[in-house]
Amino acid sequence: MDAEFWHERWRKQEIGFHREQVHPQLAAHFHQLNDTARQRVFVPLCGKSVDMIWLCQQGAEVVGSELSALAIEAFAQENALELSPTKAEKHTLYAQPGLSLWQGDFFTLTPEQIQCTGFYDRAALVALPPSMREAYVAQLERVLAPNASGLIITFEYDSAEMSGPPFPISADEIQSLFAANWHIERLSFQDILAEHPGMQARGLTSLQESVWRLTRR
């Protein structure tokens, strides 16, 4: 799965992963993060998620990373934002006070660009095939502050019934990916298949959603 795959999804508007409303699990659990984590929040592979608007409304400074310029331009237009672009060496920064979106390759971001004490991952880890997940976690750890904490939302389902993305990620894999450097707590675990008729149409008979709180050791 390379960058062109996602560019093509945005060009064709094949963005079933996008939600028109704030994710209920973000609203339910964001305030379980400590004050420091809620001050400046990183949203990797952010797309045009309205969750970023909600985070800003909670008083957080938001920093997003997104491969597609089309996604960022749509986000600005749909939310009546004036995001001024500035070309950096490997990225373009779209920014206004309290909101910064880095357009380009997530894996080439630097800690200086992010400088976040919190993070929120709704659709990043689950968008990546297994071969890319360790690299994703390593980069996330590299760009976040040493005292960071955040939320990750994952799915579990029978991969014989549907091919991702979004991909299933088991509790054992979360432990394997994060336990060395993070304290891990599962805040929620529930079947949400009834809320996703598109997933049912793709063949799923069960879809479990987990919300994880991760705190850097």
N, C-alpha and C. Protein backbone atom coordinates (compact mmCIF):
# COMPACT_ATOMS: atom_id res chain seq x y z
N MET A 1 0.86 -1.19 0.00
CA MET A 1 0.00 0.00 0.00
C MET A 1 0.90 1.24 0.00
N ASP A 2 0.88 2.01 -1.09
CA ASP A 2 1.75 3.17 -1.20
C ASP A 2 0.94 4.45 -1.21
N ALA A 3 1.64 5.59 -1.33
CA ALA A 3 0.97 6.88 -1.28
C ALA A 3 -0.06 7.03 -2.38
N GLU A 4 0.22 6.48 -3.55
CA GLU A 4 -0.70 6.64 -4.67
C GLU A 4 -2.06 6.03 -4.38
N PHE A 5 -2.10 4.96 -3.59
CA PHE A 5 -3.37 4.35 -3.21
C PHE A 5 -4.28 5.37 -2.56
N TRP A 6 -3.73 6.15 -1.61
CA TRP A 6 -4.55 7.13 -0.89
C TRP A 6 -4.84 8.36 -1.73
N HIS A 7 -3.89 8.78 -2.55
CA HIS A 7 -4.17 9.89 -3.46
C HIS A 7 -5.34 9.54 -4.38
N GLU A 8 -5.36 8.31 -4.86
CA GLU A 8 -6.43 7.87 -5.75
C GLU A 8 -7.77 7.82 -5.01
N ARG A 9 -7.75 7.40 -3.76
CA ARG A 9 -9.00 7.37 -2.98
C ARG A 9 -9.59 8.77 -2.86
N TRP A 10 -8.74 9.75 -2.62
CA TRP A 10 -9.23 11.12 -2.49
C TRP A 10 -9.67 11.69 -3.84
N ARG A 11 -8.94 11.38 -4.90
CA ARG A 11 -9.35 11.86 -6.22
C ARG A 11 -10.72 11.32 -6.61
N LYS A 12 -10.97 10.05 -6.28
CA LYS A 12 -12.24 9.42 -6.63
C LYS A 12 -13.30 9.61 -5.55
N GLN A 13 -12.93 10.28 -4.47
CA GLN A 13 -13.83 10.49 -3.33
C GLN A 13 -14.33 9.15 -2.76
N GLU A 14 -13.46 8.17 -2.75
CA GLU A 14 -13.75 6.89 -2.12
C GLU A 14 -13.29 6.96 -0.67
N ILE A 15 -14.05 7.70 0.11
CA ILE A 15 -13.61 8.03 1.47
C ILE A 15 -14.69 7.62 2.48
N GLY A 16 -15.05 6.35 2.41
CA GLY A 16 -16.03 5.81 3.35
C GLY A 16 -15.57 5.89 4.79
N PHE A 17 -14.26 6.08 5.01
CA PHE A 17 -13.72 6.19 6.36
C PHE A 17 -14.06 7.54 6.99
N HIS A 18 -14.46 8.52 6.16
CA HIS A 18 -14.76 9.85 6.70
C HIS A 18 -16.11 9.84 7.42
N ARG A 19 -16.17 10.51 8.59
CA ARG A 19 -17.41 10.65 9.35
C ARG A 19 -17.86 12.10 9.30
N GLU A 20 -19.16 12.30 9.10
CA GLU A 20 -19.70 13.66 9.06
C GLU A 20 -19.88 14.25 10.46
N GLN A 21 -19.93 13.38 11.47
CA GLN A 21 -20.12 13.84 12.84
C GLN A 21 -18.90 13.50 13.68
N VAL A 22 -18.75 14.22 14.78
CA VAL A 22 -17.67 13.94 15.72
C VAL A 22 -17.79 12.50 16.22
N HIS A 23 -16.68 11.82 16.31
CA HIS A 23 -16.71 10.43 16.76
C HIS A 23 -17.17 10.39 18.22
N PRO A 24 -18.21 9.61 18.53
CA PRO A 24 -18.72 9.59 19.90
C PRO A 24 -17.70 9.11 20.93
N GLN A 25 -16.76 8.27 20.51
CA GLN A 25 -15.77 7.79 21.47
C GLN A 25 -14.74 8.87 21.81
N LEU A 26 -14.48 9.78 20.88
CA LEU A 26 -13.62 10.91 21.20
C LEU A 26 -14.30 11.79 22.23
N ALA A 27 -15.57 12.11 21.99
CA ALA A 27 -16.31 12.95 22.94
C ALA A 27 -16.42 12.28 24.31
N ALA A 28 -16.53 10.97 24.33
CA ALA A 28 -16.71 10.25 25.59
C ALA A 28 -15.42 10.15 26.40
N HIS A 29 -14.28 10.07 25.72
CA HIS A 29 -13.05 9.71 26.42
C HIS A 29 -11.94 10.76 26.40
N PHE A 30 -12.07 11.82 25.62
CA PHE A 30 -10.98 12.79 25.52
C PHE A 30 -10.61 13.36 26.88
N HIS A 31 -11.60 13.62 27.70
CA HIS A 31 -11.31 14.26 28.98
C HIS A 31 -10.75 13.28 30.01
N GLN A 32 -10.55 12.03 29.61
CA GLN A 32 -9.83 11.10 30.47
C GLN A 32 -8.32 11.23 30.30
N LEU A 33 -7.90 11.99 29.29
CA LEU A 33 -6.48 12.30 29.16
C LEU A 33 -6.13 13.41 30.15
N ASN A 34 -4.87 13.46 30.55
CA ASN A 34 -4.48 14.48 31.51
C ASN A 34 -4.44 15.87 30.87
N ASP A 35 -4.33 16.90 31.71
CA ASP A 35 -4.38 18.27 31.22
C ASP A 35 -3.30 18.55 30.18
N THR A 36 -2.11 18.01 30.42
CA THR A 36 -1.00 18.26 29.50
C THR A 36 -1.29 17.68 28.12
N ALA A 37 -1.83 16.47 28.08
CA ALA A 37 -2.13 15.83 26.80
C ALA A 37 -3.21 16.57 26.03
N ARG A 38 -4.14 17.21 26.74
CA ARG A 38 -5.25 17.90 26.09
C ARG A 38 -4.86 19.28 25.56
N GLN A 39 -3.67 19.74 25.87
CA GLN A 39 -3.28 21.08 25.45
C GLN A 39 -2.91 21.15 23.97
N ARG A 40 -2.20 20.16 23.48
CA ARG A 40 -1.72 20.19 22.09
C ARG A 40 -1.78 18.76 21.56
N VAL A 41 -2.66 18.52 20.59
CA VAL A 41 -3.03 17.16 20.18
C VAL A 41 -2.63 16.92 18.73
N PHE A 42 -1.93 15.83 18.51
CA PHE A 42 -1.53 15.40 17.17
C PHE A 42 -2.56 14.43 16.63
N VAL A 43 -3.00 14.66 15.37
CA VAL A 43 -3.95 13.78 14.70
C VAL A 43 -3.28 13.24 13.44
N PRO A 44 -2.68 12.06 13.49
CA PRO A 44 -2.00 11.51 12.31
C PRO A 44 -2.99 11.00 11.28
N LEU A 45 -2.62 11.14 9.99
CA LEU A 45 -3.46 10.70 8.87
C LEU A 45 -4.88 11.25 9.06
N CYS A 46 -4.97 12.56 9.20
CA CYS A 46 -6.19 13.19 9.70
C CYS A 46 -7.30 13.34 8.67
N GLY A 47 -6.98 13.26 7.37
CA GLY A 47 -8.02 13.46 6.37
C GLY A 47 -8.67 14.82 6.53
N LYS A 48 -9.99 14.86 6.46
CA LYS A 48 -10.73 16.10 6.69
C LYS A 48 -11.65 15.93 7.91
N SER A 49 -11.15 15.23 8.90
CA SER A 49 -11.96 14.84 10.05
C SER A 49 -12.49 16.04 10.83
N VAL A 50 -13.80 16.05 11.06
CA VAL A 50 -14.40 17.09 11.89
C VAL A 50 -14.01 16.92 13.36
N ASP A 51 -13.41 15.80 13.71
CA ASP A 51 -12.91 15.63 15.07
C ASP A 51 -11.91 16.73 15.42
N MET A 52 -11.18 17.22 14.42
CA MET A 52 -10.20 18.28 14.68
C MET A 52 -10.89 19.57 15.10
N ILE A 53 -12.04 19.87 14.48
CA ILE A 53 -12.80 21.04 14.88
C ILE A 53 -13.26 20.89 16.33
N TRP A 54 -13.75 19.72 16.67
CA TRP A 54 -14.21 19.47 18.04
C TRP A 54 -13.07 19.64 19.03
N LEU A 55 -11.89 19.12 18.70
CA LEU A 55 -10.74 19.26 19.59
C LEU A 55 -10.38 20.73 19.80
N CYS A 56 -10.42 21.52 18.72
CA CYS A 56 -10.16 22.95 18.86
C CYS A 56 -11.20 23.60 19.78
N GLN A 57 -12.44 23.17 19.66
CA GLN A 57 -13.51 23.73 20.50
C GLN A 57 -13.32 23.39 21.97
N GLN A 58 -12.58 22.33 22.25
CA GLN A 58 -12.27 21.97 23.64
C GLN A 58 -11.09 22.76 24.18
N GLY A 59 -10.51 23.62 23.36
CA GLY A 59 -9.38 24.43 23.79
C GLY A 59 -8.03 23.86 23.44
N ALA A 60 -7.99 22.75 22.70
CA ALA A 60 -6.71 22.15 22.32
C ALA A 60 -6.13 22.85 21.09
N GLU A 61 -4.81 22.98 21.06
CA GLU A 61 -4.12 23.27 19.81
C GLU A 61 -4.03 21.95 19.05
N VAL A 62 -4.34 21.96 17.77
CA VAL A 62 -4.39 20.73 16.99
C VAL A 62 -3.34 20.77 15.89
N VAL A 63 -2.60 19.67 15.77
CA VAL A 63 -1.62 19.50 14.70
C VAL A 63 -2.00 18.22 13.96
N GLY A 64 -2.26 18.34 12.67
CA GLY A 64 -2.62 17.18 11.87
C GLY A 64 -1.57 16.86 10.84
N SER A 65 -1.57 15.61 10.40
CA SER A 65 -0.70 15.17 9.31
C SER A 65 -1.58 14.48 8.28
N GLU A 66 -1.45 14.89 7.01
CA GLU A 66 -2.28 14.32 5.96
C GLU A 66 -1.51 14.29 4.65
N LEU A 67 -1.56 13.16 3.97
CA LEU A 67 -0.86 13.00 2.70
C LEU A 67 -1.49 13.82 1.59
N SER A 68 -2.81 13.89 1.55
CA SER A 68 -3.53 14.47 0.41
C SER A 68 -3.82 15.95 0.59
N ALA A 69 -3.35 16.76 -0.36
CA ALA A 69 -3.71 18.18 -0.36
C ALA A 69 -5.20 18.36 -0.61
N LEU A 70 -5.82 17.46 -1.38
CA LEU A 70 -7.25 17.54 -1.63
C LEU A 70 -8.04 17.45 -0.33
N ALA A 71 -7.59 16.59 0.57
CA ALA A 71 -8.27 16.42 1.85
C ALA A 71 -8.21 17.70 2.67
N ILE A 72 -7.03 18.31 2.73
CA ILE A 72 -6.87 19.53 3.51
C ILE A 72 -7.66 20.68 2.90
N GLU A 73 -7.65 20.79 1.58
CA GLU A 73 -8.41 21.85 0.92
C GLU A 73 -9.91 21.67 1.16
N ALA A 74 -10.38 20.43 1.13
CA ALA A 74 -11.79 20.17 1.41
C ALA A 74 -12.12 20.49 2.86
N PHE A 75 -11.23 20.15 3.78
CA PHE A 75 -11.43 20.44 5.19
C PHE A 75 -11.57 21.95 5.41
N ALA A 76 -10.70 22.72 4.79
CA ALA A 76 -10.75 24.18 4.93
C ALA A 76 -12.05 24.74 4.36
N GLN A 77 -12.43 24.28 3.18
CA GLN A 77 -13.64 24.79 2.53
C GLN A 77 -14.90 24.43 3.32
N GLU A 78 -14.99 23.19 3.74
CA GLU A 78 -16.21 22.72 4.41
C GLU A 78 -16.39 23.32 5.80
N ASN A 79 -15.29 23.81 6.39
CA ASN A 79 -15.37 24.40 7.73
C ASN A 79 -15.09 25.90 7.73
N ALA A 80 -15.09 26.51 6.53
CA ALA A 80 -14.90 27.96 6.39
C ALA A 80 -13.66 28.44 7.12
N LEU A 81 -12.55 27.73 6.88
CA LEU A 81 -11.28 28.06 7.51
C LEU A 81 -10.35 28.74 6.51
N GLU A 82 -9.55 29.66 7.00
CA GLU A 82 -8.52 30.28 6.17
C GLU A 82 -7.17 29.70 6.57
N LEU A 83 -6.81 28.61 5.91
CA LEU A 83 -5.55 27.92 6.21
C LEU A 83 -4.51 28.35 5.19
N SER A 84 -3.61 29.19 5.62
CA SER A 84 -2.59 29.72 4.71
C SER A 84 -1.49 28.70 4.50
N PRO A 85 -1.20 28.33 3.23
CA PRO A 85 -0.15 27.34 2.98
C PRO A 85 1.24 27.97 2.95
N THR A 86 2.18 27.26 3.57
CA THR A 86 3.59 27.65 3.55
C THR A 86 4.40 26.44 3.17
N LYS A 87 5.23 26.56 2.16
CA LYS A 87 6.03 25.42 1.71
C LYS A 87 7.22 25.21 2.63
N ALA A 88 7.33 23.98 3.14
CA ALA A 88 8.50 23.59 3.91
C ALA A 88 9.34 22.66 3.04
N GLU A 89 10.42 22.12 3.58
CA GLU A 89 11.33 21.31 2.77
C GLU A 89 10.65 20.09 2.17
N LYS A 90 9.94 19.33 2.98
CA LYS A 90 9.30 18.11 2.50
C LYS A 90 7.78 18.14 2.65
N HIS A 91 7.24 19.22 3.20
CA HIS A 91 5.82 19.31 3.47
C HIS A 91 5.31 20.71 3.11
N THR A 92 3.99 20.83 3.08
CA THR A 92 3.35 22.13 3.03
C THR A 92 2.54 22.28 4.31
N LEU A 93 2.73 23.39 4.99
CA LEU A 93 2.01 23.66 6.23
C LEU A 93 0.82 24.56 5.94
N TYR A 94 -0.37 24.07 6.32
CA TYR A 94 -1.60 24.86 6.25
C TYR A 94 -1.95 25.23 7.68
N ALA A 95 -2.04 26.53 7.99
CA ALA A 95 -2.17 26.90 9.39
C ALA A 95 -3.02 28.14 9.59
N GLN A 96 -3.63 28.16 10.76
CA GLN A 96 -4.23 29.35 11.34
C GLN A 96 -4.05 29.20 12.83
N PRO A 97 -4.27 30.25 13.64
CA PRO A 97 -4.05 30.11 15.07
C PRO A 97 -4.81 28.92 15.66
N GLY A 98 -4.08 28.06 16.36
CA GLY A 98 -4.66 26.90 17.03
C GLY A 98 -4.79 25.66 16.18
N LEU A 99 -4.47 25.74 14.89
CA LEU A 99 -4.63 24.60 13.99
C LEU A 99 -3.52 24.59 12.95
N SER A 100 -2.77 23.50 12.88
CA SER A 100 -1.69 23.36 11.90
C SER A 100 -1.80 21.99 11.25
N LEU A 101 -1.83 21.97 9.91
CA LEU A 101 -1.93 20.71 9.17
C LEU A 101 -0.72 20.59 8.25
N TRP A 102 0.03 19.51 8.45
CA TRP A 102 1.21 19.25 7.64
C TRP A 102 0.82 18.30 6.50
N GLN A 103 0.90 18.79 5.29
CA GLN A 103 0.56 17.98 4.12
C GLN A 103 1.84 17.35 3.56
N GLY A 104 1.84 16.03 3.49
CA GLY A 104 3.01 15.31 3.00
C GLY A 104 3.11 13.96 3.68
N ASP A 105 4.28 13.37 3.61
CA ASP A 105 4.53 12.02 4.11
C ASP A 105 4.67 12.03 5.63
N PHE A 106 3.78 11.33 6.31
CA PHE A 106 3.83 11.21 7.77
C PHE A 106 5.21 10.74 8.24
N PHE A 107 5.82 9.84 7.50
CA PHE A 107 7.06 9.22 7.95
C PHE A 107 8.27 10.13 7.83
N THR A 108 8.12 11.30 7.25
CA THR A 108 9.24 12.25 7.18
C THR A 108 9.03 13.47 8.07
N LEU A 109 8.00 13.46 8.90
CA LEU A 109 7.80 14.53 9.86
C LEU A 109 8.90 14.51 10.92
N THR A 110 9.16 15.67 11.52
CA THR A 110 10.17 15.78 12.56
C THR A 110 9.51 16.17 13.88
N PRO A 111 10.17 15.89 15.00
CA PRO A 111 9.62 16.32 16.29
C PRO A 111 9.39 17.82 16.36
N GLU A 112 10.25 18.60 15.72
CA GLU A 112 10.12 20.06 15.75
C GLU A 112 8.82 20.51 15.08
N GLN A 113 8.36 19.76 14.08
CA GLN A 113 7.12 20.12 13.40
C GLN A 113 5.89 19.79 14.25
N ILE A 114 5.96 18.77 15.07
CA ILE A 114 4.79 18.29 15.79
C ILE A 114 4.71 18.89 17.20
N GLN A 115 5.68 18.61 18.05
CA GLN A 115 5.74 19.18 19.39
C GLN A 115 4.43 19.01 20.16
N CYS A 116 3.90 17.79 20.17
CA CYS A 116 2.62 17.53 20.81
C CYS A 116 2.78 16.64 22.04
N THR A 117 1.97 16.93 23.04
CA THR A 117 1.93 16.14 24.27
C THR A 117 0.77 15.15 24.28
N GLY A 118 -0.15 15.29 23.32
CA GLY A 118 -1.27 14.38 23.20
C GLY A 118 -1.44 13.93 21.76
N PHE A 119 -2.20 12.85 21.56
CA PHE A 119 -2.50 12.41 20.20
C PHE A 119 -3.85 11.71 20.18
N TYR A 120 -4.42 11.67 18.98
CA TYR A 120 -5.71 11.01 18.77
C TYR A 120 -5.65 10.31 17.42
N ASP A 121 -5.73 8.99 17.46
CA ASP A 121 -5.63 8.15 16.26
C ASP A 121 -6.94 7.40 16.08
N ARG A 122 -7.80 7.91 15.20
CA ARG A 122 -9.04 7.20 14.90
C ARG A 122 -8.90 6.32 13.66
N ALA A 123 -8.13 6.79 12.68
CA ALA A 123 -8.14 6.11 11.38
C ALA A 123 -6.75 5.97 10.78
N ALA A 124 -5.71 6.04 11.61
CA ALA A 124 -4.35 5.92 11.09
C ALA A 124 -3.84 4.48 11.19
N LEU A 125 -3.74 3.96 12.41
CA LEU A 125 -3.21 2.62 12.59
C LEU A 125 -4.06 1.59 11.83
N VAL A 126 -5.38 1.73 11.87
CA VAL A 126 -6.24 0.76 11.20
C VAL A 126 -6.20 0.88 9.68
N ALA A 127 -5.62 1.98 9.18
CA ALA A 127 -5.50 2.15 7.73
C ALA A 127 -4.25 1.47 7.17
N LEU A 128 -3.36 1.03 8.06
CA LEU A 128 -2.07 0.50 7.63
C LEU A 128 -2.04 -1.02 7.67
N PRO A 129 -1.48 -1.66 6.64
CA PRO A 129 -1.31 -3.11 6.68
C PRO A 129 -0.27 -3.50 7.73
N PRO A 130 -0.25 -4.76 8.15
CA PRO A 130 0.67 -5.17 9.21
C PRO A 130 2.12 -4.80 8.95
N SER A 131 2.56 -4.83 7.72
CA SER A 131 3.96 -4.57 7.40
C SER A 131 4.40 -3.14 7.71
N MET A 132 3.44 -2.21 7.88
CA MET A 132 3.78 -0.81 8.10
C MET A 132 3.57 -0.37 9.55
N ARG A 133 3.02 -1.21 10.38
CA ARG A 133 2.58 -0.75 11.71
C ARG A 133 3.73 -0.49 12.66
N GLU A 134 4.76 -1.31 12.64
CA GLU A 134 5.89 -1.05 13.54
C GLU A 134 6.57 0.26 13.18
N ALA A 135 6.70 0.54 11.90
CA ALA A 135 7.30 1.81 11.47
C ALA A 135 6.43 2.99 11.88
N TYR A 136 5.11 2.80 11.79
CA TYR A 136 4.19 3.86 12.21
C TYR A 136 4.37 4.16 13.69
N VAL A 137 4.40 3.14 14.52
CA VAL A 137 4.54 3.33 15.96
C VAL A 137 5.88 4.00 16.27
N ALA A 138 6.94 3.57 15.62
CA ALA A 138 8.26 4.16 15.85
C ALA A 138 8.26 5.65 15.48
N GLN A 139 7.62 6.01 14.38
CA GLN A 139 7.56 7.41 13.99
C GLN A 139 6.68 8.22 14.95
N LEU A 140 5.58 7.64 15.38
CA LEU A 140 4.72 8.32 16.35
C LEU A 140 5.51 8.62 17.62
N GLU A 141 6.27 7.64 18.09
CA GLU A 141 7.07 7.84 19.29
C GLU A 141 8.15 8.90 19.05
N ARG A 142 8.68 8.96 17.85
CA ARG A 142 9.75 9.91 17.55
C ARG A 142 9.26 11.35 17.59
N VAL A 143 8.06 11.60 17.07
CA VAL A 143 7.61 12.99 16.94
C VAL A 143 6.86 13.51 18.16
N LEU A 144 6.38 12.60 19.03
CA LEU A 144 5.63 13.04 20.21
C LEU A 144 6.57 13.38 21.37
N ALA A 145 6.06 14.20 22.28
CA ALA A 145 6.82 14.55 23.47
C ALA A 145 7.04 13.32 24.35
N PRO A 146 8.12 13.31 25.14
CA PRO A 146 8.42 12.14 25.98
C PRO A 146 7.33 11.81 26.99
N ASN A 147 6.52 12.79 27.38
CA ASN A 147 5.46 12.57 28.37
C ASN A 147 4.08 12.46 27.72
N ALA A 148 4.03 12.10 26.45
CA ALA A 148 2.77 12.11 25.70
C ALA A 148 1.81 11.02 26.14
N SER A 149 0.54 11.28 25.92
CA SER A 149 -0.50 10.26 26.07
C SER A 149 -1.60 10.55 25.06
N GLY A 150 -2.41 9.52 24.78
CA GLY A 150 -3.43 9.74 23.76
C GLY A 150 -4.39 8.58 23.63
N LEU A 151 -5.24 8.68 22.63
CA LEU A 151 -6.29 7.70 22.37
C LEU A 151 -6.09 7.07 20.99
N ILE A 152 -6.32 5.77 20.92
CA ILE A 152 -6.31 5.04 19.65
C ILE A 152 -7.60 4.22 19.57
N ILE A 153 -8.25 4.27 18.41
CA ILE A 153 -9.45 3.47 18.17
C ILE A 153 -9.11 2.38 17.17
N THR A 154 -9.44 1.14 17.50
CA THR A 154 -9.14 0.01 16.62
C THR A 154 -10.39 -0.86 16.42
N PHE A 155 -10.30 -1.73 15.42
CA PHE A 155 -11.38 -2.67 15.11
C PHE A 155 -10.85 -4.10 15.19
N GLU A 156 -11.76 -5.01 15.52
CA GLU A 156 -11.49 -6.44 15.39
C GLU A 156 -12.64 -7.07 14.61
N TYR A 157 -12.29 -7.86 13.61
CA TYR A 157 -13.28 -8.59 12.83
C TYR A 157 -12.58 -9.76 12.16
N ASP A 158 -13.36 -10.66 11.60
CA ASP A 158 -12.82 -11.83 10.91
C ASP A 158 -12.30 -11.40 9.54
N SER A 159 -10.99 -11.43 9.38
CA SER A 159 -10.39 -10.96 8.13
C SER A 159 -10.75 -11.84 6.94
N ALA A 160 -11.29 -13.04 7.19
CA ALA A 160 -11.76 -13.88 6.08
C ALA A 160 -13.05 -13.34 5.48
N GLU A 161 -13.75 -12.48 6.24
CA GLU A 161 -15.02 -11.93 5.77
C GLU A 161 -14.85 -10.65 4.96
N MET A 162 -13.77 -9.92 5.22
CA MET A 162 -13.56 -8.63 4.56
C MET A 162 -12.08 -8.31 4.53
N SER A 163 -11.64 -7.69 3.46
CA SER A 163 -10.26 -7.21 3.39
C SER A 163 -10.26 -5.71 3.67
N GLY A 164 -9.24 -5.26 4.39
CA GLY A 164 -9.15 -3.84 4.72
C GLY A 164 -8.59 -3.02 3.59
N PRO A 165 -8.44 -1.73 3.80
CA PRO A 165 -8.69 -1.01 5.05
C PRO A 165 -10.17 -0.69 5.25
N PRO A 166 -10.57 -0.44 6.52
CA PRO A 166 -9.76 -0.52 7.74
C PRO A 166 -9.42 -1.97 8.07
N PHE A 167 -8.24 -2.16 8.64
CA PHE A 167 -7.77 -3.50 8.97
C PHE A 167 -8.08 -3.84 10.43
N PRO A 168 -8.27 -5.14 10.71
CA PRO A 168 -8.46 -5.54 12.11
C PRO A 168 -7.14 -5.53 12.86
N ILE A 169 -7.21 -5.14 14.13
CA ILE A 169 -6.03 -5.13 14.99
C ILE A 169 -6.44 -5.71 16.33
N SER A 170 -5.82 -6.79 16.72
CA SER A 170 -6.20 -7.49 17.95
C SER A 170 -5.60 -6.81 19.17
N ALA A 171 -6.14 -7.17 20.34
CA ALA A 171 -5.58 -6.68 21.60
C ALA A 171 -4.14 -7.16 21.77
N ASP A 172 -3.85 -8.37 21.33
CA ASP A 172 -2.48 -8.88 21.42
C ASP A 172 -1.52 -8.05 20.58
N GLU A 173 -1.98 -7.59 19.41
CA GLU A 173 -1.09 -6.78 18.57
C GLU A 173 -0.87 -5.41 19.18
N ILE A 174 -1.89 -4.83 19.80
CA ILE A 174 -1.69 -3.56 20.49
C ILE A 174 -0.61 -3.71 21.57
N GLN A 175 -0.67 -4.81 22.31
CA GLN A 175 0.35 -5.07 23.32
C GLN A 175 1.73 -5.20 22.68
N SER A 176 1.81 -5.94 21.58
CA SER A 176 3.08 -6.16 20.91
C SER A 176 3.68 -4.85 20.39
N LEU A 177 2.83 -3.98 19.86
CA LEU A 177 3.31 -2.73 19.26
C LEU A 177 3.71 -1.69 20.31
N PHE A 178 2.98 -1.64 21.42
CA PHE A 178 3.13 -0.49 22.32
C PHE A 178 3.67 -0.81 23.71
N ALA A 179 3.59 -2.05 24.17
CA ALA A 179 3.84 -2.33 25.59
C ALA A 179 5.25 -1.95 26.04
N ALA A 180 6.21 -1.97 25.14
CA ALA A 180 7.58 -1.68 25.55
C ALA A 180 7.74 -0.24 26.05
N ASN A 181 6.99 0.67 25.49
CA ASN A 181 7.21 2.09 25.79
C ASN A 181 5.97 2.83 26.30
N TRP A 182 4.85 2.11 26.42
CA TRP A 182 3.61 2.77 26.80
C TRP A 182 2.85 1.94 27.84
N HIS A 183 2.17 2.63 28.74
CA HIS A 183 1.14 2.00 29.56
C HIS A 183 -0.13 1.94 28.72
N ILE A 184 -0.81 0.80 28.72
CA ILE A 184 -1.96 0.57 27.85
C ILE A 184 -3.19 0.27 28.69
N GLU A 185 -4.28 0.99 28.40
CA GLU A 185 -5.56 0.72 29.05
C GLU A 185 -6.65 0.67 27.97
N ARG A 186 -7.49 -0.34 28.02
CA ARG A 186 -8.64 -0.37 27.12
C ARG A 186 -9.82 0.28 27.84
N LEU A 187 -10.32 1.36 27.27
CA LEU A 187 -11.40 2.13 27.88
C LEU A 187 -12.77 1.66 27.44
N SER A 188 -12.86 1.04 26.27
CA SER A 188 -14.15 0.62 25.73
C SER A 188 -13.95 -0.54 24.78
N PHE A 189 -14.95 -1.44 24.75
CA PHE A 189 -14.93 -2.58 23.84
C PHE A 189 -16.38 -2.95 23.56
N GLN A 190 -16.82 -2.78 22.30
CA GLN A 190 -18.22 -3.04 21.99
C GLN A 190 -18.40 -3.39 20.52
N ASP A 191 -19.49 -4.12 20.25
CA ASP A 191 -19.84 -4.46 18.88
C ASP A 191 -20.59 -3.29 18.26
N ILE A 192 -20.10 -2.79 17.13
CA ILE A 192 -20.69 -1.61 16.50
C ILE A 192 -21.17 -1.92 15.08
N LEU A 193 -21.32 -3.19 14.74
CA LEU A 193 -21.68 -3.54 13.37
C LEU A 193 -23.00 -2.89 12.94
N ALA A 194 -23.96 -2.78 13.85
CA ALA A 194 -25.26 -2.20 13.50
C ALA A 194 -25.14 -0.75 13.05
N GLU A 195 -24.06 -0.07 13.48
CA GLU A 195 -23.86 1.33 13.10
C GLU A 195 -23.17 1.47 11.75
N HIS A 196 -22.77 0.35 11.14
CA HIS A 196 -21.97 0.40 9.91
C HIS A 196 -22.57 -0.52 8.85
N PRO A 197 -23.66 -0.09 8.22
CA PRO A 197 -24.26 -0.93 7.18
C PRO A 197 -23.32 -1.18 6.00
N GLY A 198 -22.41 -0.26 5.75
CA GLY A 198 -21.44 -0.47 4.68
C GLY A 198 -20.52 -1.64 4.96
N MET A 199 -20.16 -1.82 6.22
CA MET A 199 -19.33 -2.96 6.61
C MET A 199 -20.13 -4.26 6.49
N GLN A 200 -21.39 -4.20 6.85
CA GLN A 200 -22.24 -5.38 6.69
C GLN A 200 -22.33 -5.76 5.22
N ALA A 201 -22.47 -4.74 4.35
CA ALA A 201 -22.56 -5.00 2.92
C ALA A 201 -21.29 -5.62 2.38
N ARG A 202 -20.16 -5.37 3.05
CA ARG A 202 -18.89 -5.96 2.63
C ARG A 202 -18.70 -7.37 3.17
N GLY A 203 -19.66 -7.85 3.99
CA GLY A 203 -19.62 -9.24 4.42
C GLY A 203 -19.39 -9.47 5.90
N LEU A 204 -19.22 -8.42 6.69
CA LEU A 204 -18.93 -8.63 8.10
C LEU A 204 -20.16 -9.10 8.87
N THR A 205 -19.93 -10.01 9.79
CA THR A 205 -20.99 -10.46 10.70
C THR A 205 -20.75 -10.00 12.13
N SER A 206 -19.57 -9.43 12.39
CA SER A 206 -19.25 -8.87 13.70
C SER A 206 -18.16 -7.83 13.52
N LEU A 207 -18.28 -6.74 14.26
CA LEU A 207 -17.28 -5.66 14.20
C LEU A 207 -17.13 -5.09 15.60
N GLN A 208 -16.01 -5.41 16.23
CA GLN A 208 -15.73 -4.95 17.59
C GLN A 208 -14.83 -3.72 17.54
N GLU A 209 -15.22 -2.70 18.28
CA GLU A 209 -14.43 -1.47 18.36
C GLU A 209 -13.83 -1.34 19.75
N SER A 210 -12.55 -1.02 19.80
CA SER A 210 -11.86 -0.76 21.07
C SER A 210 -11.33 0.66 21.10
N VAL A 211 -11.36 1.25 22.28
CA VAL A 211 -10.72 2.54 22.52
C VAL A 211 -9.62 2.32 23.53
N TRP A 212 -8.41 2.71 23.17
CA TRP A 212 -7.24 2.50 24.02
C TRP A 212 -6.68 3.86 24.49
N ARG A 213 -6.33 3.92 25.76
CA ARG A 213 -5.58 5.07 26.28
C ARG A 213 -4.13 4.64 26.47
N LEU A 214 -3.24 5.35 25.83
CA LEU A 214 -1.82 5.05 25.91
C LEU A 214 -1.10 6.20 26.60
N THR A 215 -0.23 5.86 27.55
CA THR A 215 0.54 6.85 28.28
C THR A 215 2.00 6.46 28.22
N ARG A 216 2.83 7.38 27.79
CA ARG A 216 4.26 7.08 27.62
C ARG A 216 4.90 6.72 28.97
N ARG A 217 5.70 5.67 28.95
CA ARG A 217 6.43 5.27 30.17
C ARG A 217 7.54 6.26 30.48
